[in-house]
Protein backbone atom coordinates (compact mmCIF):
# COMPACT_ATOMS: atom_id res chain seq x y z
CA MET A 1 0.12 -0.14 0.05
CA SER A 2 2.87 2.32 -0.60
CA ASP A 3 0.73 4.22 -3.28
CA LEU A 4 -1.38 5.55 -0.46
CA LYS A 5 -0.79 8.94 0.83
CA VAL A 6 -2.44 11.55 2.92
CA ILE A 7 -2.57 15.40 1.97
CA ALA A 8 -2.50 17.65 4.85
CA ARG A 9 -3.12 21.50 4.57
CA THR A 10 -2.06 23.77 7.59
CA PRO A 11 -1.79 27.48 8.21
CA THR A 12 1.91 27.33 7.17
CA ALA A 13 2.47 24.23 4.79
CA VAL A 14 0.97 21.60 2.54
CA GLU A 15 2.48 18.05 3.66
CA SER A 16 2.42 14.68 2.33
CA ILE A 17 2.18 11.87 4.76
CA LEU A 18 4.12 8.89 3.01
CA ASP A 19 2.86 6.30 5.30
CA PRO A 20 -0.59 6.97 6.65
CA LEU A 21 -1.36 3.48 7.68
CA ASN A 22 1.15 3.19 10.32
CA GLU A 23 1.55 5.28 13.63
CA GLY A 24 4.20 8.36 13.06
CA GLY A 25 4.45 7.77 9.44
CA GLU A 26 7.26 10.20 7.50
CA ALA A 27 5.81 13.51 6.22
CA SER A 28 7.39 15.61 3.52
CA THR A 29 6.63 19.30 2.76
CA VAL A 30 5.02 20.02 -0.45
CA ALA A 31 4.67 23.71 -0.29
CA THR A 32 5.52 26.37 2.42
CA VAL A 33 2.72 28.61 2.03
CA GLU A 34 -0.57 29.26 3.43
CA ALA A 35 -2.79 27.51 0.70
CA LEU A 36 -6.25 28.37 0.51
CA VAL A 37 -7.12 25.63 -2.11
CA VAL A 38 -5.31 22.11 -2.65
CA GLU A 39 -7.09 20.09 -5.56
CA TYR A 40 -5.94 16.95 -7.59
CA ALA A 41 -7.04 16.53 -11.05
CA ARG A 42 -9.31 13.37 -11.72
CA ASP A 43 -6.41 11.50 -13.64
CA ALA A 44 -4.18 12.14 -10.33
CA ARG A 45 -1.33 13.32 -13.03
CA LYS A 46 -1.34 17.00 -11.29
CA TYR A 47 -2.55 19.09 -8.64
CA LEU A 48 -2.97 22.83 -7.80
CA VAL A 49 -2.06 24.77 -4.99
CA ALA A 50 -3.73 28.03 -4.65
CA CYS A 51 -2.65 30.86 -2.47
CA ASP A 52 -3.68 34.56 -2.09
CA LYS A 53 -1.50 35.86 -4.97
CA LEU A 54 -0.40 32.72 -6.87
CA LEU A 55 -1.80 29.59 -8.55
CA ARG A 56 0.82 26.66 -9.15
CA VAL A 57 0.15 23.35 -10.69
CA PHE A 58 2.29 20.76 -9.92
CA SER A 59 2.88 17.34 -11.48
CA SER A 60 2.46 14.09 -9.57
CA SER A 61 6.06 13.82 -8.82
CA ASP A 62 5.85 17.57 -7.44
CA GLU A 63 7.51 19.27 -9.96
CA LEU A 64 6.44 22.70 -11.05
CA MET A 65 4.42 22.73 -14.21
CA VAL A 66 2.73 26.18 -14.43
CA GLU A 67 2.73 29.24 -12.04
CA VAL A 68 0.17 32.26 -12.64
CA ALA A 69 -0.03 35.38 -10.78
CA CYS A 70 -3.74 35.81 -9.57
CA ALA A 71 -4.26 38.14 -6.71
CA GLY A 72 -7.26 37.49 -4.39
CA ILE A 73 -7.82 33.92 -5.28
CA ARG A 74 -10.96 32.85 -3.31
CA ALA A 75 -11.70 29.40 -5.16
CA ALA A 76 -9.84 27.29 -7.79
CA SER A 77 -11.15 24.07 -9.43
CA PHE A 78 -9.75 21.69 -12.35
CA SER A 79 -12.16 20.69 -15.22
CA PRO A 80 -13.32 17.21 -15.38
CA ASN A 81 -10.35 16.01 -17.56
CA GLY A 82 -7.87 18.49 -15.93
CA ARG A 83 -7.08 20.43 -19.10
CA TYR A 84 -8.57 23.78 -17.52
CA ILE A 85 -8.70 25.40 -14.14
CA VAL A 86 -11.55 27.82 -13.20
CA THR A 87 -10.89 30.44 -10.56
CA PHE A 88 -12.70 33.02 -8.61
CA GLN A 89 -10.79 36.17 -7.40
CA ARG A 90 -12.22 38.84 -4.82
CA PRO A 91 -14.16 41.43 -7.12
CA HIS A 92 -12.24 44.54 -7.84
CA LYS A 93 -11.79 47.64 -9.98
CA ASN A 94 -9.28 49.03 -11.96
CA GLU A 95 -7.67 52.61 -12.02
CA GLU A 96 -10.74 53.65 -14.39
CA GLY A 97 -13.29 52.20 -11.82
CA ILE A 98 -14.23 49.27 -13.98
CA PHE A 99 -14.77 45.75 -12.42
CA VAL A 100 -12.03 43.50 -13.74
CA PRO A 101 -13.09 40.18 -14.73
CA ASN A 102 -12.97 37.77 -11.80
CA LEU A 103 -14.12 34.45 -13.03
CA VAL A 104 -11.31 33.11 -15.20
CA VAL A 105 -10.68 29.89 -17.22
CA TRP A 106 -7.12 29.00 -17.44
CA ARG A 107 -5.38 26.53 -19.95
CA VAL A 108 -2.91 24.18 -17.76
CA GLU A 109 -0.66 23.39 -20.52
CA ASP A 110 0.67 26.95 -20.82
CA GLY A 111 -1.29 29.12 -18.20
CA ALA A 112 -3.22 31.35 -20.63
CA SER A 113 -6.23 32.64 -20.01
CA VAL A 114 -8.99 31.26 -22.07
CA LEU A 115 -12.16 32.92 -20.78
CA SER A 116 -12.93 35.94 -18.45
CA LEU A 117 -15.97 36.67 -16.92
CA ASN A 118 -17.79 38.86 -14.33
CA GLN A 119 -19.25 37.31 -11.17
CA LYS A 120 -20.51 39.42 -8.16
CA GLU A 121 -20.61 36.69 -5.22
CA LEU A 122 -18.83 33.00 -4.76
CA ASP A 123 -21.44 30.04 -4.32
CA LYS A 124 -19.60 27.53 -2.52
CA ASP A 125 -22.67 25.10 -3.17
CA HIS A 126 -22.43 25.47 -7.01
CA TRP A 127 -18.90 25.67 -7.57
CA PRO A 128 -17.37 25.80 -10.11
CA SER A 129 -19.57 28.31 -11.63
CA ILE A 130 -18.38 27.40 -15.23
CA GLN A 131 -19.25 23.92 -16.25
CA PHE A 132 -17.66 21.82 -19.00
CA THR A 133 -18.89 19.24 -21.71
CA ALA A 134 -17.55 15.78 -21.65
CA ASP A 135 -15.02 16.34 -24.17
CA GLU A 136 -14.29 19.81 -22.73
CA SER A 137 -14.48 21.43 -26.09
CA HIS A 138 -17.04 23.72 -24.71
CA CYS A 139 -18.27 25.33 -21.32
CA VAL A 140 -21.34 26.84 -20.21
CA SER A 141 -21.81 29.90 -17.95
CA GLN A 142 -24.99 31.72 -16.52
CA VAL A 143 -26.15 35.06 -17.05
CA THR A 144 -29.62 36.79 -16.41
CA ASN A 145 -32.39 34.50 -18.16
CA THR A 146 -29.74 32.79 -20.29
CA LEU A 147 -27.31 30.12 -20.38
CA HIS A 148 -24.25 30.62 -22.51
CA VAL A 149 -22.16 28.04 -24.43
CA HIS A 150 -18.60 29.00 -25.26
CA ASP A 151 -16.36 27.32 -27.61
CA LEU A 152 -13.13 26.91 -25.78
CA ASN A 153 -11.01 27.09 -28.97
CA ASP A 154 -12.45 30.42 -29.95
CA CYS A 155 -13.74 32.27 -26.81
CA GLU A 156 -13.10 35.57 -28.04
CA ALA A 157 -15.93 35.24 -30.69
CA GLY A 158 -18.36 35.43 -27.83
CA PRO A 159 -21.17 32.68 -27.05
CA CYS A 160 -21.61 30.30 -29.80
CA LEU A 161 -25.13 29.44 -28.14
CA LYS A 162 -27.56 31.28 -26.23
CA PHE A 163 -30.21 29.33 -24.51
CA PRO A 164 -33.07 31.16 -22.70
CA VAL A 165 -34.24 29.99 -19.43
CA LYS A 166 -36.38 32.95 -17.94
CA GLY A 167 -35.63 33.27 -14.13
CA VAL A 168 -33.03 30.67 -14.20
CA SER A 169 -31.01 30.68 -10.74
CA LYS A 170 -28.86 27.55 -10.73
CA PHE A 171 -28.06 24.80 -13.51
CA SER A 172 -26.18 21.74 -13.54
CA LEU A 173 -24.76 20.31 -16.83
CA CYS A 174 -24.93 16.49 -17.50
CA PRO A 175 -21.59 14.99 -17.08
CA THR A 176 -21.90 12.97 -20.33
CA ALA A 177 -22.92 15.97 -22.24
CA THR A 178 -21.41 17.07 -25.67
CA MET A 179 -21.81 19.87 -27.85
CA GLY A 180 -23.00 17.58 -31.04
CA GLY A 181 -24.61 15.06 -29.29
CA LYS A 182 -27.14 15.03 -26.16
CA MET A 183 -26.32 18.17 -24.13
CA LEU A 184 -28.81 17.84 -21.23
CA VAL A 185 -28.79 20.53 -18.67
CA MET A 186 -30.98 20.71 -15.17
CA ALA A 187 -32.15 24.36 -14.34
CA TYR A 188 -33.70 25.87 -11.33
CA VAL A 189 -36.03 28.72 -11.42
CA PRO A 190 -36.86 29.85 -7.76
CA GLU A 191 -40.55 31.03 -6.78
CA ILE A 192 -41.79 34.62 -7.28
CA LYS A 193 -44.64 36.60 -6.37
CA GLY A 194 -46.85 33.53 -5.63
CA THR A 195 -45.78 31.69 -8.52
CA PRO A 196 -43.99 28.32 -7.55
CA GLY A 197 -40.51 27.63 -8.46
CA PHE A 198 -39.71 24.58 -10.74
CA LEU A 199 -37.06 22.23 -11.94
CA ALA A 200 -36.83 21.55 -15.45
CA LEU A 201 -34.89 19.23 -17.45
CA HIS A 202 -33.78 20.97 -20.92
CA GLN A 203 -31.92 19.52 -24.17
CA MET A 204 -29.79 22.41 -25.04
CA SER A 205 -30.16 23.58 -28.55
CA VAL A 206 -30.57 26.37 -30.96
CA CYS A 207 -34.14 28.36 -30.15
CA PRO A 208 -35.35 30.76 -32.49
CA GLN A 209 -35.40 34.53 -31.41
CA GLY A 210 -37.98 35.05 -28.46
CA THR A 211 -39.28 31.45 -28.28
CA THR A 212 -39.33 29.65 -24.92
CA PRO A 213 -37.73 25.92 -25.11
CA THR A 214 -39.99 22.95 -23.85
CA PRO A 215 -38.30 21.22 -21.20
CA LEU A 216 -38.10 17.14 -21.43
CA ALA A 217 -39.46 17.14 -17.84
CA ARG A 218 -40.43 19.63 -15.22
CA LYS A 219 -41.50 19.55 -11.39
CA SER A 220 -42.93 22.69 -9.72
CA PHE A 221 -43.10 23.28 -5.87
CA PHE A 222 -43.06 26.01 -3.05
CA ARG A 223 -41.03 26.61 -0.08
CA ALA A 224 -37.55 26.46 -1.49
CA ASN A 225 -34.83 28.86 -1.75
CA SER A 226 -31.57 26.78 -2.65
CA VAL A 227 -31.01 23.60 -4.66
CA ARG A 228 -28.11 21.10 -4.97
CA PHE A 229 -27.67 18.94 -8.15
CA LEU A 230 -26.29 15.38 -7.76
CA TRP A 231 -26.06 13.37 -11.20
CA ASN A 232 -24.82 9.84 -11.53
CA VAL A 233 -21.63 9.15 -13.04
CA THR A 234 -23.39 7.74 -16.16
CA GLY A 235 -25.64 10.86 -16.72
CA SER A 236 -28.80 8.62 -16.75
CA SER A 237 -30.49 10.19 -13.59
CA VAL A 238 -30.09 13.29 -11.33
CA LEU A 239 -31.20 14.02 -7.77
CA ILE A 240 -31.84 17.32 -6.56
CA ILE A 241 -32.07 18.39 -2.97
CA ALA A 242 -34.34 21.71 -2.67
CA ALA A 243 -34.03 23.41 0.60
CA ALA A 244 -35.60 26.20 2.66
CA ASP A 245 -33.96 28.31 5.29
CA VAL A 246 -37.15 28.12 7.39
CA ASP A 247 -39.33 25.09 8.09
CA ALA A 248 -42.90 26.47 7.68
CA THR A 249 -44.04 23.52 10.07
CA ASN A 250 -41.81 24.76 12.81
CA GLN A 251 -40.65 21.17 13.31
CA SER A 252 -36.89 21.74 12.45
CA TYR A 253 -34.48 24.32 13.45
CA TYR A 254 -32.52 23.62 10.17
CA GLY A 255 -35.08 24.32 7.63
CA GLU A 256 -36.83 22.20 5.30
CA GLN A 257 -35.53 19.92 2.49
CA LYS A 258 -37.08 17.82 -0.41
CA LEU A 259 -35.52 15.39 -2.69
CA PHE A 260 -36.52 15.14 -6.32
CA PHE A 261 -35.49 12.37 -8.81
CA PHE A 262 -35.54 12.81 -12.83
CA SER A 263 -34.27 10.44 -15.27
CA ALA A 264 -32.24 11.82 -18.39
CA ASP A 265 -34.64 10.86 -21.10
CA GLY A 266 -37.62 12.65 -19.26
CA SER A 267 -39.54 9.58 -18.50
CA GLN A 268 -39.47 10.01 -14.66
CA ASP A 269 -39.72 13.23 -12.71
CA MET A 270 -40.77 12.27 -9.08
CA ALA A 271 -40.25 13.31 -5.31
CA VAL A 272 -38.55 10.67 -3.82
CA PRO A 273 -40.56 9.06 -1.00
CA MET A 274 -38.86 9.49 2.34
CA PRO A 275 -39.50 6.85 4.91
CA LYS A 276 -39.36 9.04 7.76
CA GLU A 277 -40.45 12.66 8.75
CA GLY A 278 -37.77 15.30 9.10
CA PRO A 279 -34.58 17.06 7.51
CA ILE A 280 -32.58 15.29 4.76
CA HIS A 281 -29.14 15.04 6.11
CA ASP A 282 -27.31 13.50 3.24
CA VAL A 283 -27.64 11.70 -0.21
CA GLN A 284 -24.97 10.15 -2.24
CA TRP A 285 -24.81 8.30 -5.56
CA SER A 286 -22.59 4.92 -5.72
CA PRO A 287 -19.69 5.56 -7.90
CA LYS A 288 -20.90 3.09 -10.35
CA GLY A 289 -24.26 5.21 -10.80
CA ASP A 290 -26.57 2.17 -9.92
CA PHE A 291 -27.52 2.87 -6.57
CA PHE A 292 -28.25 5.98 -4.29
CA ILE A 293 -28.40 6.22 -0.19
CA THR A 294 -30.45 8.63 1.64
CA VAL A 295 -29.93 9.63 5.19
CA ALA A 296 -33.19 11.41 6.35
CA GLY A 297 -35.55 12.08 9.25
CA PHE A 298 -35.62 13.27 12.88
CA MET A 299 -32.93 11.66 14.97
CA PRO A 300 -32.46 8.88 14.83
CA ALA A 301 -32.25 9.22 11.16
CA LYS A 302 -33.35 6.68 8.71
CA SER A 303 -31.03 5.28 6.03
CA THR A 304 -32.36 3.82 2.86
CA LEU A 305 -30.65 2.13 -0.34
CA PHE A 306 -32.42 2.99 -3.82
CA ASN A 307 -31.68 1.82 -6.88
CA ALA A 308 -31.32 3.74 -10.24
CA SER A 309 -34.89 3.76 -10.91
CA CYS A 310 -35.84 5.19 -7.51
CA VAL A 311 -37.06 2.17 -5.90
CA PRO A 312 -36.22 1.63 -2.24
CA LYS A 313 -34.30 -1.90 -1.86
CA PHE A 314 -32.80 -2.05 1.38
CA ASP A 315 -33.58 -0.39 4.80
CA LEU A 316 -30.72 0.13 6.75
CA GLY A 317 -32.57 1.07 10.06
CA SER A 318 -32.36 4.03 12.11
CA GLY A 319 -29.24 5.55 13.96
CA PRO A 320 -27.41 8.71 15.07
CA TYR A 321 -25.93 9.39 11.25
CA SER A 322 -25.85 12.32 9.24
CA LEU A 323 -23.73 11.46 6.26
CA VAL A 324 -23.01 8.58 3.87
CA ARG A 325 -19.84 8.04 1.75
CA TRP A 326 -19.06 5.18 -0.64
CA ASN A 327 -15.74 3.61 -1.44
CA PRO A 328 -14.40 4.02 -5.07
CA PHE A 329 -15.84 0.85 -6.47
CA GLY A 330 -19.35 1.13 -4.98
CA ARG A 331 -19.06 -2.04 -2.88
CA PHE A 332 -18.47 -0.83 0.46
CA PHE A 333 -19.96 2.41 2.10
CA ALA A 334 -19.89 4.13 5.57
CA LEU A 335 -22.63 5.97 7.39
CA ALA A 336 -21.41 8.43 10.16
CA GLY A 337 -22.84 10.88 12.63
CA PHE A 338 -20.70 13.98 12.81
CA GLY A 339 -21.45 17.69 13.75
CA ASN A 340 -23.29 17.82 16.90
CA LEU A 341 -23.54 13.86 16.89
CA PRO A 342 -20.82 11.52 18.78
CA GLY A 343 -19.15 10.57 15.80
CA ASP A 344 -20.49 6.88 15.38
CA VAL A 345 -19.25 5.22 12.15
CA THR A 346 -20.94 1.98 10.82
CA PHE A 347 -19.22 0.04 7.59
CA TYR A 348 -21.34 -1.77 5.31
CA ASP A 349 -21.03 -4.16 2.27
CA LYS A 350 -23.53 -4.07 -0.69
CA LYS A 351 -24.25 -7.51 -2.12
CA ALA A 352 -25.12 -8.08 -5.62
CA ASP A 353 -28.66 -8.52 -4.65
CA ALA A 354 -28.64 -4.97 -2.79
CA LYS A 355 -28.36 -6.56 0.51
CA CYS A 356 -26.22 -4.68 3.01
CA LYS A 357 -24.20 -6.41 5.75
CA VAL A 358 -22.28 -4.63 8.72
CA MET A 359 -18.70 -5.19 8.31
CA GLY A 360 -17.63 -3.24 11.61
CA THR A 361 -18.23 -0.29 13.82
CA THR A 362 -16.26 2.42 15.44
CA ARG A 363 -16.57 5.94 16.74
CA ALA A 364 -14.59 9.15 15.54
CA SER A 365 -15.16 11.64 18.02
CA ASN A 366 -15.43 15.20 16.95
CA GLY A 367 -14.95 14.21 13.18
CA VAL A 368 -15.73 16.78 10.53
CA SER A 369 -14.90 14.98 7.33
CA LEU A 370 -14.80 11.01 6.05
CA GLU A 371 -13.29 9.82 2.88
CA TRP A 372 -12.51 6.24 1.60
CA SER A 373 -9.11 5.58 0.56
CA PRO A 374 -8.12 4.95 -3.40
CA CYS A 375 -7.82 1.04 -2.72
CA GLY A 376 -11.38 1.34 -1.24
CA ARG A 377 -10.23 -0.69 2.10
CA TYR A 378 -9.67 2.24 4.55
CA VAL A 379 -11.16 5.48 5.80
CA LEU A 380 -9.78 8.77 6.68
CA THR A 381 -11.73 11.08 9.22
CA ALA A 382 -10.28 14.46 10.12
CA THR A 383 -11.24 17.09 12.55
CA THR A 384 -10.52 20.56 11.12
CA ALA A 385 -10.85 24.04 11.41
CA PRO A 386 -12.57 26.43 11.42
CA ARG A 387 -15.41 24.01 12.22
CA LEU A 388 -13.39 23.13 15.12
CA ARG A 389 -10.60 24.50 16.95
CA VAL A 390 -9.49 21.90 19.21
CA ASP A 391 -8.32 18.22 18.70
CA ASN A 392 -7.37 18.77 15.05
CA GLY A 393 -5.74 16.04 13.29
CA PHE A 394 -6.90 12.82 11.09
CA GLN A 395 -7.51 9.34 12.12
CA VAL A 396 -7.00 6.17 9.61
CA PHE A 397 -9.61 3.37 10.27
CA LYS A 398 -9.56 -0.10 8.51
CA TYR A 399 -13.02 -1.13 6.83
CA ASN A 400 -13.67 -3.41 9.86
CA GLY A 401 -13.32 -0.36 12.27
CA ASP A 402 -9.83 -0.91 13.32
CA LEU A 403 -7.78 2.04 14.31
CA LEU A 404 -4.51 2.06 12.32
CA ALA A 405 -3.18 5.45 12.81
CA GLN A 406 -3.59 8.85 13.91
CA LYS A 407 -1.87 12.37 13.73
CA ARG A 408 -2.40 15.52 15.76
CA TYR A 409 -2.09 19.29 14.52
CA ASP A 410 -2.49 22.47 16.32
CA VAL A 411 -4.27 23.72 13.42
CA LEU A 412 -5.61 21.52 10.48
CA TYR A 413 -7.59 22.99 7.39
CA GLU A 414 -7.97 19.84 5.40
CA ALA A 415 -6.89 16.23 5.15
CA ILE A 416 -7.60 14.13 1.75
CA TRP A 417 -6.31 10.97 0.25
CA ARG A 418 -3.94 11.53 -2.51
CA PRO A 419 -5.44 10.21 -5.53
CA VAL A 420 -3.92 7.47 -7.84
CA GLU A 421 -4.20 6.70 -11.64
CA GLU A 422 -7.19 4.47 -12.47
CA GLY A 423 -6.33 0.93 -12.79
CA THR A 424 -3.82 1.23 -9.56
CA PHE A 425 -6.03 -0.77 -7.46
CA GLU A 426 -8.72 -3.44 -7.86
CA ASP A 427 -12.04 -3.97 -6.47
CA ARG A 428 -11.72 -6.69 -3.55
CA PRO A 429 -14.39 -8.20 -1.18
CA GLN A 430 -13.64 -8.49 2.43
CA THR A 431 -10.83 -10.49 3.83
CA PRO A 432 -12.33 -13.74 5.43
CA ARG A 433 -12.45 -13.46 9.32
CA GLY A 434 -10.15 -15.49 11.15
CA GLN A 435 -11.40 -18.71 12.80
CA GLY A 436 -13.53 -17.77 16.05
CA ALA A 437 -13.78 -13.85 15.05
CA LYS A 438 -16.86 -12.51 16.09
CA GLU A 439 -19.37 -11.27 13.49
CA PRO A 440 -21.08 -7.60 14.08
CA SER A 441 -24.65 -8.08 14.70
CA GLY A 442 -25.59 -4.45 13.33
CA PRO A 443 -25.17 -0.94 13.97
CA ALA A 444 -26.43 -1.47 17.75
CA ALA A 445 -23.24 -3.61 18.45
CA LEU A 446 -20.85 -0.49 18.40
CA ALA A 447 -19.52 -0.17 21.93
CA GLN A 448 -21.05 2.41 24.25
CA PRO A 449 -19.32 4.29 26.78
CA ALA A 450 -19.89 2.75 30.22
CA ARG A 451 -23.08 4.13 31.86
CA SER A 452 -23.36 5.24 35.47
CA ALA A 453 -25.57 4.07 37.88
CA GLY A 454 -27.23 7.34 37.69
CA TYR A 455 -29.10 9.14 40.48
CA VAL A 456 -31.11 7.13 42.98
CA PRO A 457 -33.84 8.86 45.06
CA PRO A 458 -33.50 8.14 49.06
CA HIS A 459 -36.97 6.44 49.17
CA LEU A 460 -35.91 3.89 46.31
CA ARG A 461 -32.11 3.42 48.07
CA ARG A 462 -34.06 2.50 51.33
CA GLN A 463 -35.65 -0.22 49.17
CA GLY A 464 -32.32 -1.61 47.99
CA ILE A 465 -32.36 -0.33 44.72
CA THR A 466 -28.94 0.68 43.74
CA SER A 467 -29.05 1.76 40.26
CA ALA A 468 -31.71 4.08 38.06
CA PRO A 469 -33.90 2.39 35.85
CA LYS A 470 -32.92 2.04 32.42
CA ALA A 471 -34.36 4.82 29.86
CA SER A 472 -36.92 3.30 27.30
CA PHE A 473 -36.23 5.89 24.88
CA SER A 474 -33.11 7.01 22.98
CA LEU A 475 -32.52 9.76 20.40
CA ALA A 476 -29.38 7.60 19.20
CA ARG A 477 -30.87 4.77 18.07
CA ASP A 478 -34.35 2.96 17.71
CA GLN A 479 -33.76 -0.72 18.86
CA GLU A 480 -37.10 -1.91 16.96
CA ASP A 481 -36.06 -0.28 13.56
CA ILE A 482 -33.52 -2.92 12.61
CA GLY A 483 -34.24 -2.69 8.93
CA GLY A 484 -33.84 -5.17 6.17
CA LYS A 485 -34.47 -6.05 2.47
CA ILE A 486 -37.59 -4.25 1.20
CA LYS A 487 -39.72 -6.68 -0.80
CA GLN A 488 -41.56 -4.33 -3.33
CA THR A 489 -43.35 -5.42 -6.54
CA PHE A 490 -43.23 -3.21 -9.54
CA ALA A 491 -46.85 -2.77 -8.88
CA ALA A 492 -46.41 -1.63 -5.53
CA ALA A 493 -43.72 0.68 -6.45
CA ARG A 494 -45.69 2.25 -9.18
CA ALA A 495 -48.77 2.40 -6.64
CA ALA A 496 -46.34 4.30 -4.10
CA ARG A 497 -45.38 6.61 -6.75
CA ALA A 498 -49.00 7.63 -7.76
CA SER A 499 -50.17 7.92 -4.22
CA SER A 500 -47.75 10.71 -3.66
CA VAL A 501 -49.08 12.71 -6.37
CA PRO A 502 -50.47 16.10 -5.16
CA GLY A 503 -54.36 16.41 -5.83
CA ALA A 504 -55.12 12.74 -5.92
CA VAL A 505 -58.73 12.31 -5.20
CA PRO A 506 -59.15 10.53 -1.78
CA GLY A 507 -60.52 6.95 -2.37
CA ASN A 508 -58.70 6.59 -5.61
CA GLU A 509 -55.57 5.80 -4.35
CA PRO A 510 -54.18 2.32 -5.94
CA VAL A 511 -53.87 -0.38 -3.38
CA PRO A 512 -50.02 -1.31 -3.18
CA GLY A 513 -49.43 -4.97 -4.19
CA ALA A 514 -53.06 -5.18 -5.69
CA SER A 515 -53.72 -6.62 -9.10
CA LYS A 516 -55.28 -4.34 -11.84
CA ALA A 517 -58.62 -5.93 -11.45
CA ALA A 518 -58.60 -5.44 -7.67
CA SER A 519 -57.52 -1.70 -8.14
CA LYS A 520 -60.37 -1.12 -10.59
CA ASN A 521 -63.13 -2.49 -8.16
CA ALA A 522 -61.46 -0.24 -5.31
CA LYS A 523 -61.88 2.63 -7.37
CA ARG A 524 -65.46 1.87 -8.30
CA ARG A 525 -66.75 1.10 -4.80
CA ALA A 526 -64.90 4.34 -3.46
CA LYS A 527 -67.04 6.11 -6.43
CA LYS A 528 -70.00 4.60 -5.24
CA LYS A 529 -69.51 5.58 -1.74
CA GLN A 530 -68.92 9.01 -2.47
CA ALA A 531 -71.91 9.20 -4.70
CA GLU A 532 -74.23 7.87 -1.85
CA ASN A 533 -72.41 10.58 0.68
CA SER A 534 -73.33 13.38 -1.47
CA SER A 535 -77.04 12.33 -2.13
CA THR A 536 -77.64 12.19 1.61
């Protein structure tokens, strides 16, 4: 595992830990600057280090490739194939009082500026603001009521396509989009003056002047002021988390969230049915794009595995979790509870039939981030500033929950695995357990801190009672909700989706699992009963 390295970003330097699986692994300094951004290209052959005044690109052997003077950098990111870099600089004016373009696309090969635009504010939830086609021949930017497509070989000529979307606030380009082929884009238009906001899936093409393009699919809703787009890697489906800062029902301090599912061909657009009421903590696609996991509901949160058609396949039960992370091969995944939760982590193995088996459990106290190693068998958890100013550092766990190494820092801004080139590691199942090794029975098997006897009132002590009665309610776990495989026929799944359609007539809801004839008879009886009630 000598190819595994951890990159740590501190206030004074960027370090590379050469042997992160062993305690006290050797560290080498990559850069002695206060880096604002450290990011690797997807091919792992280069990485960028951005500080306040300089943007530097290094090769995987730490040799300087390009250096660009770029004052006031606040964000920087590679394009999908690593040929370009997008930077956002703090807005500033020149001597004539005119705003200097601060959203720039740089070519990595020679450090030349390819495209320069203006942007008032940085939205970290929708960065980078400029998105690229799969072949990186074109890029897309947003202006008022319009999406602009630029030819990266001739940006001086202006946009080669102007796609009108009235009121567009955010957009997301399909990861497999190409200019000459299927170029799908998901757009969000917020509500205004009593008109509901909506999500629209478009096929970008030339539109005659003054016309409005017809979307492939559209979903309208109220009570949302921000969205987050999650495409799967194949570009066949997209999930959208719509959030509002204020919960109209006054049930959650953290606002209100909704989850929507769209298929790329426009055949499906629906609200994802959540099995438990409450906020949506996290949603993540598998790296293969064939499954996704939701963590939602009031604590203890409910976790559910869905397939690529948005059909629930496995119930992971309830627990103190707020995030989910897949390993690079889509075989293992981890559920963790960070933030104001104690840091419980449970590791799962997803089988071919969608059944999920617990591999191990652990606790990463004060955790802020969690990331799987490129080999898919280790997990890196980190406690970083400014989220937490104490106990900064990182820990490395094996997939069964064993703690392998940890390193402490006075201040740590970020800790990530150093990516490797594709094909370096192969997907491997769990190592068979040794003879006599105990199998974990589930999330509830997590070792809990020793419980004190608790306060015992004097009248109970006189009766010989030495410990307080055990509480029957817990915000951490629901012992009755153990989860399991969800047995759902196609008819039942279709019925569940139909019954969630707003405005459905009461009594006409399809019965889950019923045949077509039984559903018709149920509707006929409901109509007859409704007619009798109206006549009386």
